Amino acid sequence: MRLDPLSLPLSFHAQDARADGGTRQVELHREHVVLRRAVLGMRMAVNVRVSDFLGVAVRGIDDAQMLVLVHRDPALSIPLGSSSDADEITSAWQMWSDIFHLPQLTEPPPRMASPRRRRRNAIRARRPKFLVRRRAGFRLNEASVHRDEREIIARD
């Protein structure tokens, strides 16, 4: 597979393990990419801006190398071409990177970790809204409790 970066827009089919039939249709434009696939009979189209991709990467496959348009979500990454000729891959890698204005990635990017949530939250220590209306506990009237006294009990 080898796509020509100078003939954009392009439309082609790529492998997708989770899609029905194992393929998805990719429409590649200079500003955006449209991925069309069906999953369990439900057809969908995902429109992704080119600026949302991390870059163009070279990945090794057995004796050949593959150019991939890499996204944070691996399911949205798009294969651009494969070849066993190193010079051909290098020139195509440079062209795709220039056309999309994306960096050239040499290795898979590290997984972006989501920012940690704050552990100490001022609101978390407060009581829930419905408990604020209630009193904290049941207190007996101090005047009605008699301790250390002889109580008089009236019987009928």
N, C-alpha and C. Protein backbone atom coordinates (compact mmCIF):
# COMPACT_ATOMS: atom_id res chain seq x y z
N MET A 1 0.85 -1.18 0.00
CA MET A 1 0.00 0.00 0.00
C MET A 1 0.89 1.24 0.00
N ARG A 2 0.60 2.17 -0.88
CA ARG A 2 1.36 3.42 -0.93
C ARG A 2 0.42 4.51 -1.43
N LEU A 3 0.24 5.55 -0.62
CA LEU A 3 -0.62 6.67 -0.99
C LEU A 3 0.24 7.84 -1.43
N ASP A 4 -0.26 8.61 -2.37
CA ASP A 4 0.47 9.77 -2.88
C ASP A 4 0.00 11.02 -2.12
N PRO A 5 0.89 11.67 -1.37
CA PRO A 5 0.48 12.85 -0.60
C PRO A 5 0.15 14.06 -1.48
N LEU A 6 0.59 14.06 -2.73
CA LEU A 6 0.34 15.20 -3.60
C LEU A 6 -1.03 15.14 -4.29
N SER A 7 -1.74 14.02 -4.14
CA SER A 7 -3.04 13.87 -4.80
C SER A 7 -4.19 13.88 -3.79
N LEU A 8 -4.11 14.74 -2.79
CA LEU A 8 -5.19 14.84 -1.81
C LEU A 8 -6.36 15.58 -2.43
N PRO A 9 -7.59 15.31 -2.12
CA PRO A 9 -8.10 14.34 -1.16
C PRO A 9 -8.07 12.91 -1.70
N LEU A 10 -7.89 11.98 -0.77
CA LEU A 10 -7.83 10.55 -1.09
C LEU A 10 -8.94 9.81 -0.37
N SER A 11 -9.38 8.72 -0.94
CA SER A 11 -10.35 7.84 -0.31
C SER A 11 -9.86 6.41 -0.50
N PHE A 12 -9.76 5.66 0.61
CA PHE A 12 -9.27 4.29 0.53
C PHE A 12 -9.85 3.48 1.69
N HIS A 13 -9.67 2.19 1.63
CA HIS A 13 -10.12 1.28 2.68
C HIS A 13 -8.92 0.82 3.49
N ALA A 14 -9.10 0.75 4.81
CA ALA A 14 -8.03 0.30 5.71
C ALA A 14 -8.59 -0.77 6.63
N GLN A 15 -7.71 -1.55 7.21
CA GLN A 15 -8.13 -2.61 8.12
C GLN A 15 -8.57 -2.01 9.45
N ASP A 16 -9.63 -2.59 10.00
CA ASP A 16 -10.15 -2.20 11.31
C ASP A 16 -10.72 -3.45 11.96
N ALA A 17 -10.07 -3.93 12.99
CA ALA A 17 -10.45 -5.19 13.62
C ALA A 17 -11.83 -5.14 14.25
N ARG A 18 -12.25 -3.98 14.74
CA ARG A 18 -13.53 -3.88 15.43
C ARG A 18 -14.70 -3.58 14.51
N ALA A 19 -14.45 -3.21 13.28
CA ALA A 19 -15.52 -2.85 12.35
C ALA A 19 -16.12 -4.10 11.72
N ASP A 20 -17.36 -3.98 11.26
CA ASP A 20 -18.00 -5.07 10.53
C ASP A 20 -17.25 -5.29 9.22
N GLY A 21 -16.94 -6.51 8.91
CA GLY A 21 -16.20 -6.82 7.69
C GLY A 21 -14.71 -6.60 7.82
N GLY A 22 -14.25 -6.04 8.93
CA GLY A 22 -12.83 -5.84 9.17
C GLY A 22 -12.21 -4.68 8.41
N THR A 23 -13.02 -3.82 7.79
CA THR A 23 -12.47 -2.68 7.05
C THR A 23 -13.24 -1.41 7.39
N ARG A 24 -12.58 -0.29 7.17
CA ARG A 24 -13.21 1.01 7.30
C ARG A 24 -12.80 1.87 6.11
N GLN A 25 -13.62 2.84 5.78
CA GLN A 25 -13.31 3.73 4.67
C GLN A 25 -12.72 5.01 5.25
N VAL A 26 -11.60 5.45 4.68
CA VAL A 26 -10.90 6.64 5.14
C VAL A 26 -10.89 7.66 4.03
N GLU A 27 -11.33 8.88 4.32
CA GLU A 27 -11.24 10.01 3.40
C GLU A 27 -10.23 10.97 3.99
N LEU A 28 -9.16 11.19 3.26
CA LEU A 28 -8.03 11.99 3.74
C LEU A 28 -7.99 13.31 2.99
N HIS A 29 -8.17 14.41 3.73
CA HIS A 29 -8.10 15.76 3.17
C HIS A 29 -6.94 16.50 3.84
N ARG A 30 -6.61 17.67 3.38
CA ARG A 30 -5.51 18.44 3.98
C ARG A 30 -5.85 18.94 5.39
N GLU A 31 -7.11 19.27 5.64
CA GLU A 31 -7.51 19.84 6.93
C GLU A 31 -8.17 18.85 7.87
N HIS A 32 -8.78 17.81 7.32
CA HIS A 32 -9.50 16.86 8.17
C HIS A 32 -9.47 15.45 7.57
N VAL A 33 -9.85 14.50 8.42
CA VAL A 33 -9.92 13.09 8.03
C VAL A 33 -11.30 12.57 8.44
N VAL A 34 -11.95 11.84 7.54
CA VAL A 34 -13.26 11.25 7.83
C VAL A 34 -13.09 9.73 7.83
N LEU A 35 -13.45 9.10 8.95
CA LEU A 35 -13.40 7.64 9.08
C LEU A 35 -14.83 7.12 9.08
N ARG A 36 -15.14 6.25 8.15
CA ARG A 36 -16.49 5.66 8.07
C ARG A 36 -16.37 4.16 8.30
N ARG A 37 -17.20 3.67 9.23
CA ARG A 37 -17.21 2.24 9.51
C ARG A 37 -18.55 1.85 10.11
N ALA A 38 -18.79 0.56 10.15
CA ALA A 38 -20.01 0.04 10.77
C ALA A 38 -19.59 -0.92 11.88
N VAL A 39 -20.20 -0.75 13.04
CA VAL A 39 -19.94 -1.62 14.18
C VAL A 39 -21.27 -2.19 14.64
N LEU A 40 -21.40 -3.51 14.59
CA LEU A 40 -22.63 -4.21 14.95
C LEU A 40 -23.83 -3.66 14.19
N GLY A 41 -23.64 -3.36 12.92
CA GLY A 41 -24.72 -2.88 12.07
C GLY A 41 -24.97 -1.39 12.14
N MET A 42 -24.35 -0.68 13.09
CA MET A 42 -24.56 0.75 13.20
C MET A 42 -23.45 1.49 12.44
N ARG A 43 -23.86 2.23 11.42
CA ARG A 43 -22.88 2.97 10.62
C ARG A 43 -22.53 4.28 11.33
N MET A 44 -21.25 4.65 11.23
CA MET A 44 -20.81 5.89 11.85
C MET A 44 -19.75 6.55 11.00
N ALA A 45 -19.65 7.85 11.13
CA ALA A 45 -18.62 8.63 10.46
C ALA A 45 -17.97 9.52 11.51
N VAL A 46 -16.66 9.44 11.62
CA VAL A 46 -15.91 10.23 12.59
C VAL A 46 -15.08 11.24 11.81
N ASN A 47 -15.29 12.51 12.11
CA ASN A 47 -14.57 13.60 11.45
C ASN A 47 -13.51 14.11 12.43
N VAL A 48 -12.23 14.01 12.06
CA VAL A 48 -11.13 14.40 12.92
C VAL A 48 -10.27 15.43 12.19
N ARG A 49 -9.93 16.53 12.87
CA ARG A 49 -9.04 17.52 12.27
C ARG A 49 -7.63 16.96 12.20
N VAL A 50 -6.87 17.34 11.21
CA VAL A 50 -5.49 16.88 11.06
C VAL A 50 -4.64 17.40 12.21
N SER A 51 -4.95 18.58 12.72
CA SER A 51 -4.18 19.15 13.83
C SER A 51 -4.35 18.35 15.13
N ASP A 52 -5.37 17.49 15.21
CA ASP A 52 -5.57 16.66 16.40
C ASP A 52 -4.65 15.44 16.42
N PHE A 53 -4.00 15.14 15.30
CA PHE A 53 -3.08 14.01 15.25
C PHE A 53 -1.74 14.42 15.85
N LEU A 54 -1.02 13.45 16.41
CA LEU A 54 0.26 13.73 17.05
C LEU A 54 1.38 13.92 16.05
N GLY A 55 1.34 13.21 14.94
CA GLY A 55 2.38 13.33 13.93
C GLY A 55 2.37 12.14 12.99
N VAL A 56 3.41 12.07 12.15
CA VAL A 56 3.59 10.98 11.20
C VAL A 56 4.74 10.11 11.71
N ALA A 57 4.47 8.83 11.89
CA ALA A 57 5.47 7.93 12.48
C ALA A 57 5.83 6.82 11.51
N VAL A 58 7.03 6.28 11.69
CA VAL A 58 7.49 5.12 10.95
C VAL A 58 7.50 3.94 11.92
N ARG A 59 6.84 2.88 11.55
CA ARG A 59 6.80 1.67 12.38
C ARG A 59 7.32 0.50 11.57
N GLY A 60 8.10 -0.34 12.21
CA GLY A 60 8.65 -1.50 11.53
C GLY A 60 7.70 -2.68 11.57
N ILE A 61 7.53 -3.32 10.40
CA ILE A 61 6.71 -4.53 10.29
C ILE A 61 7.58 -5.58 9.61
N ASP A 62 8.02 -6.56 10.35
CA ASP A 62 8.88 -7.63 9.82
C ASP A 62 10.04 -7.04 9.01
N ASP A 63 10.05 -7.19 7.70
CA ASP A 63 11.15 -6.69 6.87
C ASP A 63 10.80 -5.35 6.21
N ALA A 64 9.57 -4.87 6.39
CA ALA A 64 9.13 -3.61 5.78
C ALA A 64 8.87 -2.56 6.87
N GLN A 65 8.70 -1.34 6.44
CA GLN A 65 8.34 -0.25 7.34
C GLN A 65 7.03 0.37 6.89
N MET A 66 6.28 0.92 7.84
CA MET A 66 4.97 1.47 7.54
C MET A 66 4.89 2.91 8.06
N LEU A 67 4.32 3.80 7.26
CA LEU A 67 4.04 5.17 7.68
C LEU A 67 2.63 5.22 8.27
N VAL A 68 2.51 5.86 9.43
CA VAL A 68 1.22 5.91 10.12
C VAL A 68 0.97 7.34 10.59
N LEU A 69 -0.24 7.83 10.37
CA LEU A 69 -0.69 9.10 10.93
C LEU A 69 -1.20 8.78 12.33
N VAL A 70 -0.44 9.19 13.35
CA VAL A 70 -0.67 8.74 14.73
C VAL A 70 -1.61 9.68 15.46
N HIS A 71 -2.59 9.09 16.15
CA HIS A 71 -3.55 9.81 16.99
C HIS A 71 -3.41 9.31 18.42
N ARG A 72 -3.86 10.11 19.39
CA ARG A 72 -3.81 9.67 20.80
C ARG A 72 -4.60 8.37 21.00
N ASP A 73 -5.73 8.28 20.32
CA ASP A 73 -6.54 7.07 20.36
C ASP A 73 -6.02 6.14 19.26
N PRO A 74 -5.46 4.98 19.62
CA PRO A 74 -4.90 4.10 18.59
C PRO A 74 -5.92 3.65 17.54
N ALA A 75 -7.21 3.65 17.87
CA ALA A 75 -8.23 3.25 16.90
C ALA A 75 -8.38 4.28 15.79
N LEU A 76 -7.93 5.51 16.01
CA LEU A 76 -8.05 6.56 15.00
C LEU A 76 -6.77 6.76 14.19
N SER A 77 -5.72 6.01 14.48
CA SER A 77 -4.49 6.10 13.70
C SER A 77 -4.73 5.55 12.30
N ILE A 78 -4.07 6.16 11.30
CA ILE A 78 -4.33 5.82 9.90
C ILE A 78 -3.04 5.41 9.21
N PRO A 79 -3.02 4.24 8.55
CA PRO A 79 -1.83 3.85 7.77
C PRO A 79 -1.76 4.67 6.48
N LEU A 80 -0.57 5.17 6.17
CA LEU A 80 -0.38 5.98 4.97
C LEU A 80 0.37 5.24 3.87
N GLY A 81 1.11 4.21 4.23
CA GLY A 81 1.84 3.47 3.22
C GLY A 81 2.86 2.55 3.85
N SER A 82 3.32 1.58 3.09
CA SER A 82 4.36 0.68 3.58
C SER A 82 5.29 0.33 2.42
N SER A 83 6.55 0.08 2.77
CA SER A 83 7.54 -0.25 1.76
C SER A 83 8.74 -0.88 2.46
N SER A 84 9.50 -1.66 1.70
CA SER A 84 10.73 -2.23 2.23
C SER A 84 11.95 -1.38 1.88
N ASP A 85 11.77 -0.36 1.02
CA ASP A 85 12.85 0.53 0.63
C ASP A 85 12.94 1.68 1.64
N ALA A 86 14.08 1.79 2.33
CA ALA A 86 14.26 2.79 3.37
C ALA A 86 14.26 4.21 2.80
N ASP A 87 14.85 4.42 1.64
CA ASP A 87 14.89 5.76 1.04
C ASP A 87 13.49 6.22 0.64
N GLU A 88 12.71 5.31 0.12
CA GLU A 88 11.35 5.65 -0.28
C GLU A 88 10.50 6.04 0.93
N ILE A 89 10.64 5.28 2.01
CA ILE A 89 9.89 5.58 3.23
C ILE A 89 10.32 6.93 3.80
N THR A 90 11.62 7.21 3.78
CA THR A 90 12.12 8.48 4.31
C THR A 90 11.59 9.67 3.52
N SER A 91 11.58 9.58 2.20
CA SER A 91 11.07 10.70 1.40
C SER A 91 9.56 10.87 1.57
N ALA A 92 8.82 9.76 1.63
CA ALA A 92 7.37 9.84 1.85
C ALA A 92 7.06 10.39 3.24
N TRP A 93 7.86 9.99 4.22
CA TRP A 93 7.69 10.47 5.60
C TRP A 93 7.84 11.99 5.65
N GLN A 94 8.83 12.52 4.96
CA GLN A 94 9.07 13.96 4.92
C GLN A 94 7.93 14.68 4.20
N MET A 95 7.44 14.12 3.10
CA MET A 95 6.36 14.75 2.34
C MET A 95 5.05 14.80 3.14
N TRP A 96 4.68 13.68 3.77
CA TRP A 96 3.46 13.65 4.56
C TRP A 96 3.55 14.64 5.73
N SER A 97 4.71 14.70 6.35
CA SER A 97 4.91 15.62 7.47
C SER A 97 4.79 17.07 7.02
N ASP A 98 5.33 17.41 5.87
CA ASP A 98 5.26 18.78 5.35
C ASP A 98 3.83 19.15 4.94
N ILE A 99 3.13 18.25 4.30
CA ILE A 99 1.78 18.55 3.83
C ILE A 99 0.81 18.77 5.00
N PHE A 100 0.91 17.93 6.03
CA PHE A 100 0.00 18.06 7.18
C PHE A 100 0.51 19.02 8.24
N HIS A 101 1.75 19.50 8.11
CA HIS A 101 2.37 20.38 9.12
C HIS A 101 2.39 19.71 10.49
N LEU A 102 2.78 18.43 10.49
CA LEU A 102 2.87 17.64 11.71
C LEU A 102 4.32 17.18 11.89
N PRO A 103 4.73 16.93 13.13
CA PRO A 103 6.11 16.48 13.36
C PRO A 103 6.32 15.03 12.91
N GLN A 104 7.57 14.71 12.66
CA GLN A 104 7.95 13.34 12.33
C GLN A 104 8.26 12.60 13.63
N LEU A 105 7.54 11.54 13.89
CA LEU A 105 7.75 10.76 15.10
C LEU A 105 8.59 9.54 14.76
N THR A 106 9.63 9.30 15.55
CA THR A 106 10.51 8.17 15.28
C THR A 106 10.10 6.92 16.03
N GLU A 107 9.44 7.07 17.13
CA GLU A 107 9.00 5.92 17.91
C GLU A 107 7.58 6.20 18.38
N PRO A 108 6.87 5.18 18.80
CA PRO A 108 5.51 5.43 19.28
C PRO A 108 5.55 6.40 20.46
N PRO A 109 4.65 7.40 20.47
CA PRO A 109 4.68 8.38 21.55
C PRO A 109 4.28 7.73 22.86
N PRO A 110 4.79 8.25 23.98
CA PRO A 110 4.38 7.70 25.27
C PRO A 110 2.90 7.98 25.50
N ARG A 111 2.27 7.09 26.22
CA ARG A 111 0.84 7.27 26.49
C ARG A 111 0.63 8.49 27.35
N MET A 112 -0.29 9.33 26.94
CA MET A 112 -0.58 10.54 27.69
C MET A 112 -1.42 10.16 28.91
N ALA A 113 -0.86 10.41 30.09
CA ALA A 113 -1.59 10.11 31.31
C ALA A 113 -2.53 11.28 31.62
N SER A 114 -3.69 10.96 32.08
CA SER A 114 -4.63 12.01 32.44
C SER A 114 -4.14 12.67 33.74
N PRO A 115 -4.42 13.95 33.90
CA PRO A 115 -3.95 14.62 35.12
C PRO A 115 -4.61 14.02 36.35
N ARG A 116 -3.83 13.97 37.42
CA ARG A 116 -4.35 13.38 38.66
C ARG A 116 -5.42 14.27 39.26
N ARG A 117 -6.39 13.64 39.85
CA ARG A 117 -7.43 14.40 40.52
C ARG A 117 -6.94 14.86 41.87
N ARG A 118 -7.44 16.01 42.29
CA ARG A 118 -7.04 16.52 43.60
C ARG A 118 -7.63 15.63 44.68
N ARG A 119 -6.82 15.30 45.65
CA ARG A 119 -7.31 14.45 46.72
C ARG A 119 -7.97 15.26 47.83
N ARG A 120 -7.39 16.38 48.10
CA ARG A 120 -7.93 17.20 49.18
C ARG A 120 -8.85 18.25 48.57
N ASN A 121 -10.11 18.05 48.73
CA ASN A 121 -11.09 18.95 48.16
C ASN A 121 -11.91 19.52 49.31
N ALA A 122 -12.02 20.84 49.37
CA ALA A 122 -12.73 21.49 50.48
C ALA A 122 -14.19 21.10 50.50
N ILE A 123 -14.80 20.95 49.36
CA ILE A 123 -16.22 20.63 49.31
C ILE A 123 -16.48 19.18 49.71
N ARG A 124 -15.51 18.31 49.47
CA ARG A 124 -15.68 16.89 49.77
C ARG A 124 -15.90 16.65 51.26
N ALA A 125 -15.27 17.47 52.11
CA ALA A 125 -15.38 17.28 53.55
C ALA A 125 -16.71 17.78 54.10
N ARG A 126 -17.43 18.56 53.33
CA ARG A 126 -18.71 19.08 53.81
C ARG A 126 -19.78 18.00 53.80
N ARG A 127 -20.80 18.26 54.54
CA ARG A 127 -21.92 17.32 54.56
C ARG A 127 -22.75 17.50 53.30
N PRO A 128 -23.38 16.44 52.84
CA PRO A 128 -24.25 16.56 51.67
C PRO A 128 -25.40 17.53 51.93
N LYS A 129 -25.95 18.05 50.87
CA LYS A 129 -26.96 19.10 50.95
C LYS A 129 -28.19 18.66 51.75
N PHE A 130 -28.64 17.44 51.54
CA PHE A 130 -29.85 17.02 52.24
C PHE A 130 -29.57 16.77 53.72
N LEU A 131 -28.33 16.51 54.10
CA LEU A 131 -28.01 16.33 55.51
C LEU A 131 -27.78 17.66 56.22
N VAL A 132 -27.52 18.73 55.48
CA VAL A 132 -27.32 20.03 56.11
C VAL A 132 -28.62 20.50 56.76
N ARG A 133 -29.75 20.16 56.16
CA ARG A 133 -31.04 20.57 56.72
C ARG A 133 -31.36 19.85 58.02
N ARG A 134 -30.78 18.68 58.19
CA ARG A 134 -31.06 17.90 59.39
C ARG A 134 -30.10 18.29 60.50
N ARG A 135 -30.51 18.08 61.69
CA ARG A 135 -29.61 18.35 62.81
C ARG A 135 -28.58 17.24 62.89
N ALA A 136 -27.43 17.53 63.46
CA ALA A 136 -26.32 16.59 63.50
C ALA A 136 -26.66 15.37 64.34
N GLY A 137 -27.34 15.54 65.41
CA GLY A 137 -27.69 14.41 66.26
C GLY A 137 -28.86 14.76 67.14
N PHE A 138 -29.45 13.79 67.78
CA PHE A 138 -30.60 14.03 68.64
C PHE A 138 -30.08 14.34 70.04
N ARG A 139 -30.41 15.51 70.55
CA ARG A 139 -29.98 15.90 71.89
C ARG A 139 -31.21 15.98 72.79
N LEU A 140 -31.08 15.38 73.88
CA LEU A 140 -32.17 15.47 74.85
C LEU A 140 -32.10 16.80 75.57
N ASN A 141 -33.22 17.24 76.01
CA ASN A 141 -33.25 18.47 76.79
C ASN A 141 -32.55 18.19 78.11
N GLU A 142 -31.53 18.96 78.41
CA GLU A 142 -30.73 18.73 79.62
C GLU A 142 -31.56 18.89 80.88
N ALA A 143 -32.58 19.69 80.83
CA ALA A 143 -33.39 19.92 82.03
C ALA A 143 -34.26 18.72 82.37
N SER A 144 -34.59 17.89 81.46
CA SER A 144 -35.49 16.78 81.74
C SER A 144 -34.77 15.54 82.26
N VAL A 145 -33.46 15.52 82.27
CA VAL A 145 -32.71 14.37 82.75
C VAL A 145 -32.33 14.62 84.21
N HIS A 146 -32.69 13.69 85.07
CA HIS A 146 -32.38 13.82 86.50
C HIS A 146 -31.39 12.74 86.85
N ARG A 147 -30.24 13.13 87.31
CA ARG A 147 -29.24 12.16 87.70
C ARG A 147 -28.95 12.34 89.20
N ASP A 148 -28.62 11.24 89.77
CA ASP A 148 -28.25 11.22 91.20
C ASP A 148 -29.31 11.85 92.09
N GLU A 149 -30.55 11.72 91.76
CA GLU A 149 -31.65 12.21 92.56
C GLU A 149 -32.66 11.10 92.72
N ARG A 150 -33.46 11.25 93.70
CA ARG A 150 -34.55 10.31 93.88
C ARG A 150 -35.72 10.80 93.05
N GLU A 151 -36.14 9.97 92.16
CA GLU A 151 -37.21 10.37 91.29
C GLU A 151 -38.54 9.93 91.89
N ILE A 152 -39.52 10.73 91.68
CA ILE A 152 -40.85 10.39 92.13
C ILE A 152 -41.65 9.97 90.91
N ILE A 153 -42.15 8.75 90.98
CA ILE A 153 -42.93 8.23 89.89
C ILE A 153 -44.37 8.16 90.34
N ALA A 154 -45.25 8.78 89.64
CA ALA A 154 -46.65 8.77 90.00
C ALA A 154 -47.34 7.62 89.32
N ARG A 155 -48.03 6.82 90.08
CA ARG A 155 -48.77 5.70 89.53
C ARG A 155 -50.25 5.96 89.69
N ASP A 156 -51.01 5.47 88.78
CA ASP A 156 -52.44 5.65 88.87
C ASP A 156 -53.07 4.77 89.88
